[in-house]
Amino acid sequence: MDPEYPKRIFHHIKIWLIIAAIALILGLLIGFGMGGSNPFKVFLPSTWIHFFNFLR
């Protein structure tokens, strides 16, 4: 087995996790912005408190 194989696997996993995080953040910004509000308000804690209180 190639000794570099585990490094390559973890490198690919790291790249895909970064891509997934960027896609999540862009999706939050676009989705929140389509509601007619400031898209950056999605990062405010009050937004998430309201969201989780709504789910209860």
PDB file of N, CA and C in Angstrom:
ATOM      1  N   MET A   1       0.843  -1.182   0.000  1.00  0.00           N
ATOM      2  CA  MET A   1       0.000   0.000   0.000  1.00  0.00           C
ATOM      3  C   MET A   1       0.892   1.250   0.000  1.00  0.00           C
ATOM      4  N   ASP A   2       0.481   2.207  -0.754  1.00  0.00           N
ATOM      5  CA  ASP A   2       1.218   3.459  -0.879  1.00  0.00           C
ATOM      6  C   ASP A   2       1.170   4.228   0.445  1.00  0.00           C
ATOM      7  N   PRO A   3       2.327   4.639   0.990  1.00  0.00           N
ATOM      8  CA  PRO A   3       2.303   5.367   2.261  1.00  0.00           C
ATOM      9  C   PRO A   3       1.663   6.752   2.160  1.00  0.00           C
ATOM     10  N   GLU A   4       1.541   7.277   0.969  1.00  0.00           N
ATOM     11  CA  GLU A   4       0.898   8.584   0.772  1.00  0.00           C
ATOM     12  C   GLU A   4      -0.613   8.464   0.635  1.00  0.00           C
ATOM     13  N   TYR A   5      -1.134   7.262   0.555  1.00  0.00           N
ATOM     14  CA  TYR A   5      -2.567   7.054   0.330  1.00  0.00           C
ATOM     15  C   TYR A   5      -3.440   7.688   1.416  1.00  0.00           C
ATOM     16  N   PRO A   6      -3.157   7.472   2.716  1.00  0.00           N
ATOM     17  CA  PRO A   6      -4.009   8.112   3.737  1.00  0.00           C
ATOM     18  C   PRO A   6      -3.976   9.635   3.662  1.00  0.00           C
ATOM     19  N   LYS A   7      -2.819  10.207   3.338  1.00  0.00           N
ATOM     20  CA  LYS A   7      -2.736  11.664   3.218  1.00  0.00           C
ATOM     21  C   LYS A   7      -3.609  12.168   2.086  1.00  0.00           C
ATOM     22  N   ARG A   8      -3.609  11.436   0.969  1.00  0.00           N
ATOM     23  CA  ARG A   8      -4.439  11.841  -0.169  1.00  0.00           C
ATOM     24  C   ARG A   8      -5.914  11.746   0.169  1.00  0.00           C
ATOM     25  N   ILE A   9      -6.298  10.688   0.876  1.00  0.00           N
ATOM     26  CA  ILE A   9      -7.709  10.514   1.250  1.00  0.00           C
ATOM     27  C   ILE A   9      -8.167  11.660   2.156  1.00  0.00           C
ATOM     28  N   PHE A  10      -7.361  11.968   3.186  1.00  0.00           N
ATOM     29  CA  PHE A  10      -7.730  13.054   4.098  1.00  0.00           C
ATOM     30  C   PHE A  10      -7.712  14.401   3.395  1.00  0.00           C
ATOM     31  N   HIS A  11      -6.839  14.569   2.430  1.00  0.00           N
ATOM     32  CA  HIS A  11      -6.810  15.802   1.649  1.00  0.00           C
ATOM     33  C   HIS A  11      -8.102  15.944   0.845  1.00  0.00           C
ATOM     34  N   HIS A  12      -8.568  14.869   0.239  1.00  0.00           N
ATOM     35  CA  HIS A  12      -9.826  14.904  -0.523  1.00  0.00           C
ATOM     36  C   HIS A  12     -11.012  15.165   0.401  1.00  0.00           C
ATOM     37  N   ILE A  13     -11.014  14.548   1.556  1.00  0.00           N
ATOM     38  CA  ILE A  13     -12.101  14.779   2.516  1.00  0.00           C
ATOM     39  C   ILE A  13     -12.116  16.238   2.951  1.00  0.00           C
ATOM     40  N   LYS A  14     -10.936  16.799   3.227  1.00  0.00           N
ATOM     41  CA  LYS A  14     -10.846  18.197   3.643  1.00  0.00           C
ATOM     42  C   LYS A  14     -11.359  19.127   2.549  1.00  0.00           C
ATOM     43  N   ILE A  15     -11.003  18.849   1.315  1.00  0.00           N
ATOM     44  CA  ILE A  15     -11.464  19.682   0.203  1.00  0.00           C
ATOM     45  C   ILE A  15     -12.985  19.616   0.081  1.00  0.00           C
ATOM     46  N   TRP A  16     -13.570  18.423   0.180  1.00  0.00           N
ATOM     47  CA  TRP A  16     -15.018  18.287   0.063  1.00  0.00           C
ATOM     48  C   TRP A  16     -15.750  18.927   1.233  1.00  0.00           C
ATOM     49  N   LEU A  17     -15.170  18.900   2.425  1.00  0.00           N
ATOM     50  CA  LEU A  17     -15.793  19.570   3.573  1.00  0.00           C
ATOM     51  C   LEU A  17     -15.779  21.090   3.385  1.00  0.00           C
ATOM     52  N   ILE A  18     -14.705  21.620   2.837  1.00  0.00           N
ATOM     53  CA  ILE A  18     -14.639  23.054   2.570  1.00  0.00           C
ATOM     54  C   ILE A  18     -15.656  23.450   1.512  1.00  0.00           C
ATOM     55  N   ILE A  19     -15.776  22.648   0.455  1.00  0.00           N
ATOM     56  CA  ILE A  19     -16.762  22.925  -0.593  1.00  0.00           C
ATOM     57  C   ILE A  19     -18.177  22.867  -0.034  1.00  0.00           C
ATOM     58  N   ALA A  20     -18.453  21.891   0.831  1.00  0.00           N
ATOM     59  CA  ALA A  20     -19.784  21.766   1.438  1.00  0.00           C
ATOM     60  C   ALA A  20     -20.089  22.956   2.342  1.00  0.00           C
ATOM     61  N   ALA A  21     -19.103  23.423   3.100  1.00  0.00           N
ATOM     62  CA  ALA A  21     -19.309  24.576   3.978  1.00  0.00           C
ATOM     63  C   ALA A  21     -19.588  25.835   3.164  1.00  0.00           C
ATOM     64  N   ILE A  22     -18.860  26.026   2.075  1.00  0.00           N
ATOM     65  CA  ILE A  22     -19.084  27.189   1.214  1.00  0.00           C
ATOM     66  C   ILE A  22     -20.483  27.117   0.592  1.00  0.00           C
ATOM     67  N   ALA A  23     -20.882  25.937   0.145  1.00  0.00           N
ATOM     68  CA  ALA A  23     -22.215  25.781  -0.449  1.00  0.00           C
ATOM     69  C   ALA A  23     -23.305  26.049   0.584  1.00  0.00           C
ATOM     70  N   LEU A  24     -23.098  25.616   1.826  1.00  0.00           N
ATOM     71  CA  LEU A  24     -24.080  25.867   2.886  1.00  0.00           C
ATOM     72  C   LEU A  24     -24.208  27.360   3.157  1.00  0.00           C
ATOM     73  N   ILE A  25     -23.089  28.047   3.265  1.00  0.00           N
ATOM     74  CA  ILE A  25     -23.118  29.484   3.546  1.00  0.00           C
ATOM     75  C   ILE A  25     -23.763  30.244   2.387  1.00  0.00           C
ATOM     76  N   LEU A  26     -23.402  29.900   1.155  1.00  0.00           N
ATOM     77  CA  LEU A  26     -24.023  30.569   0.003  1.00  0.00           C
ATOM     78  C   LEU A  26     -25.521  30.278  -0.067  1.00  0.00           C
ATOM     79  N   GLY A  27     -25.914  29.048   0.245  1.00  0.00           N
ATOM     80  CA  GLY A  27     -27.328  28.709   0.249  1.00  0.00           C
ATOM     81  C   GLY A  27     -28.102  29.475   1.306  1.00  0.00           C
ATOM     82  N   LEU A  28     -27.501  29.648   2.484  1.00  0.00           N
ATOM     83  CA  LEU A  28     -28.152  30.442   3.524  1.00  0.00           C
ATOM     84  C   LEU A  28     -28.313  31.893   3.099  1.00  0.00           C
ATOM     85  N   LEU A  29     -27.250  32.447   2.507  1.00  0.00           N
ATOM     86  CA  LEU A  29     -27.312  33.843   2.068  1.00  0.00           C
ATOM     87  C   LEU A  29     -28.361  34.040   0.973  1.00  0.00           C
ATOM     88  N   ILE A  30     -28.377  33.161  -0.002  1.00  0.00           N
ATOM     89  CA  ILE A  30     -29.333  33.292  -1.108  1.00  0.00           C
ATOM     90  C   ILE A  30     -30.760  33.066  -0.614  1.00  0.00           C
ATOM     91  N   GLY A  31     -30.948  32.029   0.184  1.00  0.00           N
ATOM     92  CA  GLY A  31     -32.294  31.732   0.684  1.00  0.00           C
ATOM     93  C   GLY A  31     -32.844  32.815   1.578  1.00  0.00           C
ATOM     94  N   PHE A  32     -32.015  33.357   2.440  1.00  0.00           N
ATOM     95  CA  PHE A  32     -32.480  34.419   3.329  1.00  0.00           C
ATOM     96  C   PHE A  32     -32.684  35.709   2.563  1.00  0.00           C
ATOM     97  N   GLY A  33     -31.846  35.957   1.559  1.00  0.00           N
ATOM     98  CA  GLY A  33     -31.978  37.167   0.755  1.00  0.00           C
ATOM     99  C   GLY A  33     -33.200  37.155  -0.135  1.00  0.00           C
ATOM    100  N   MET A  34     -33.677  35.969  -0.524  1.00  0.00           N
ATOM    101  CA  MET A  34     -34.863  35.887  -1.381  1.00  0.00           C
ATOM    102  C   MET A  34     -36.120  36.288  -0.624  1.00  0.00           C
ATOM    103  N   GLY A  35     -36.045  36.294   0.693  1.00  0.00           N
ATOM    104  CA  GLY A  35     -37.181  36.730   1.501  1.00  0.00           C
ATOM    105  C   GLY A  35     -37.327  38.231   1.547  1.00  0.00           C
ATOM    106  N   GLY A  36     -36.441  38.949   0.903  1.00  0.00           N
ATOM    107  CA  GLY A  36     -36.545  40.399   0.844  1.00  0.00           C
ATOM    108  C   GLY A  36     -35.820  41.086   1.980  1.00  0.00           C
ATOM    109  N   SER A  37     -35.087  40.340   2.779  1.00  0.00           N
ATOM    110  CA  SER A  37     -34.375  40.927   3.902  1.00  0.00           C
ATOM    111  C   SER A  37     -32.893  41.019   3.577  1.00  0.00           C
ATOM    112  N   ASN A  38     -32.148  41.601   4.496  1.00  0.00           N
ATOM    113  CA  ASN A  38     -30.701  41.665   4.355  1.00  0.00           C
ATOM    114  C   ASN A  38     -30.142  40.252   4.494  1.00  0.00           C
ATOM    115  N   PRO A  39     -29.441  39.731   3.495  1.00  0.00           N
ATOM    116  CA  PRO A  39     -28.963  38.348   3.559  1.00  0.00           C
ATOM    117  C   PRO A  39     -27.972  38.092   4.698  1.00  0.00           C
ATOM    118  N   PHE A  40     -27.278  39.127   5.156  1.00  0.00           N
ATOM    119  CA  PHE A  40     -26.287  38.926   6.204  1.00  0.00           C
ATOM    120  C   PHE A  40     -26.909  38.819   7.595  1.00  0.00           C
ATOM    121  N   LYS A  41     -28.217  39.088   7.706  1.00  0.00           N
ATOM    122  CA  LYS A  41     -28.894  38.906   8.985  1.00  0.00           C
ATOM    123  C   LYS A  41     -29.005  37.439   9.367  1.00  0.00           C
ATOM    124  N   VAL A  42     -28.723  36.544   8.415  1.00  0.00           N
ATOM    125  CA  VAL A  42     -28.775  35.114   8.695  1.00  0.00           C
ATOM    126  C   VAL A  42     -27.692  34.722   9.698  1.00  0.00           C
ATOM    127  N   PHE A  43     -26.653  35.522   9.844  1.00  0.00           N
ATOM    128  CA  PHE A  43     -25.568  35.210  10.762  1.00  0.00           C
ATOM    129  C   PHE A  43     -25.802  35.757  12.168  1.00  0.00           C
ATOM    130  N   LEU A  44     -26.865  36.520  12.375  1.00  0.00           N
ATOM    131  CA  LEU A  44     -27.147  37.062  13.701  1.00  0.00           C
ATOM    132  C   LEU A  44     -27.708  35.974  14.613  1.00  0.00           C
ATOM    133  N   PRO A  45     -27.278  35.939  15.864  1.00  0.00           N
ATOM    134  CA  PRO A  45     -27.817  34.936  16.795  1.00  0.00           C
ATOM    135  C   PRO A  45     -29.323  35.060  16.996  1.00  0.00           C
ATOM    136  N   SER A  46     -29.844  36.279  16.931  1.00  0.00           N
ATOM    137  CA  SER A  46     -31.284  36.458  17.133  1.00  0.00           C
ATOM    138  C   SER A  46     -32.096  35.745  16.053  1.00  0.00           C
ATOM    139  N   THR A  47     -31.561  35.670  14.854  1.00  0.00           N
ATOM    140  CA  THR A  47     -32.236  34.951  13.772  1.00  0.00           C
ATOM    141  C   THR A  47     -32.361  33.475  14.109  1.00  0.00           C
ATOM    142  N   TRP A  48     -31.281  32.884  14.626  1.00  0.00           N
ATOM    143  CA  TRP A  48     -31.283  31.457  14.944  1.00  0.00           C
ATOM    144  C   TRP A  48     -32.111  31.158  16.189  1.00  0.00           C
ATOM    145  N   ILE A  49     -32.130  32.074  17.149  1.00  0.00           N
ATOM    146  CA  ILE A  49     -32.981  31.894  18.331  1.00  0.00           C
ATOM    147  C   ILE A  49     -34.446  31.881  17.899  1.00  0.00           C
ATOM    148  N   HIS A  50     -34.810  32.804  17.028  1.00  0.00           N
ATOM    149  CA  HIS A  50     -36.189  32.844  16.517  1.00  0.00           C
ATOM    150  C   HIS A  50     -36.512  31.556  15.748  1.00  0.00           C
ATOM    151  N   PHE A  51     -35.571  31.084  14.950  1.00  0.00           N
ATOM    152  CA  PHE A  51     -35.786  29.879  14.164  1.00  0.00           C
ATOM    153  C   PHE A  51     -36.014  28.656  15.050  1.00  0.00           C
ATOM    154  N   PHE A  52     -35.169  28.472  16.061  1.00  0.00           N
ATOM    155  CA  PHE A  52     -35.311  27.302  16.926  1.00  0.00           C
ATOM    156  C   PHE A  52     -36.525  27.415  17.843  1.00  0.00           C
ATOM    157  N   ASN A  53     -36.914  28.632  18.225  1.00  0.00           N
ATOM    158  CA  ASN A  53     -38.149  28.804  18.995  1.00  0.00           C
ATOM    159  C   ASN A  53     -39.356  28.475  18.122  1.00  0.00           C
ATOM    160  N   PHE A  54     -39.280  28.786  16.846  1.00  0.00           N
ATOM    161  CA  PHE A  54     -40.361  28.466  15.915  1.00  0.00           C
ATOM    162  C   PHE A  54     -40.541  26.962  15.765  1.00  0.00           C
ATOM    163  N   LEU A  55     -39.441  26.216  15.819  1.00  0.00           N
ATOM    164  CA  LEU A  55     -39.512  24.775  15.660  1.00  0.00           C
ATOM    165  C   LEU A  55     -40.099  24.070  16.872  1.00  0.00           C
ATOM    166  N   ARG A  56     -40.070  24.700  18.031  1.00  0.00           N
ATOM    167  CA  ARG A  56     -40.614  24.064  19.238  1.00  0.00           C
ATOM    168  C   ARG A  56     -42.095  23.958  19.226  1.00  0.00           C
TER     169      ARG A  56
END
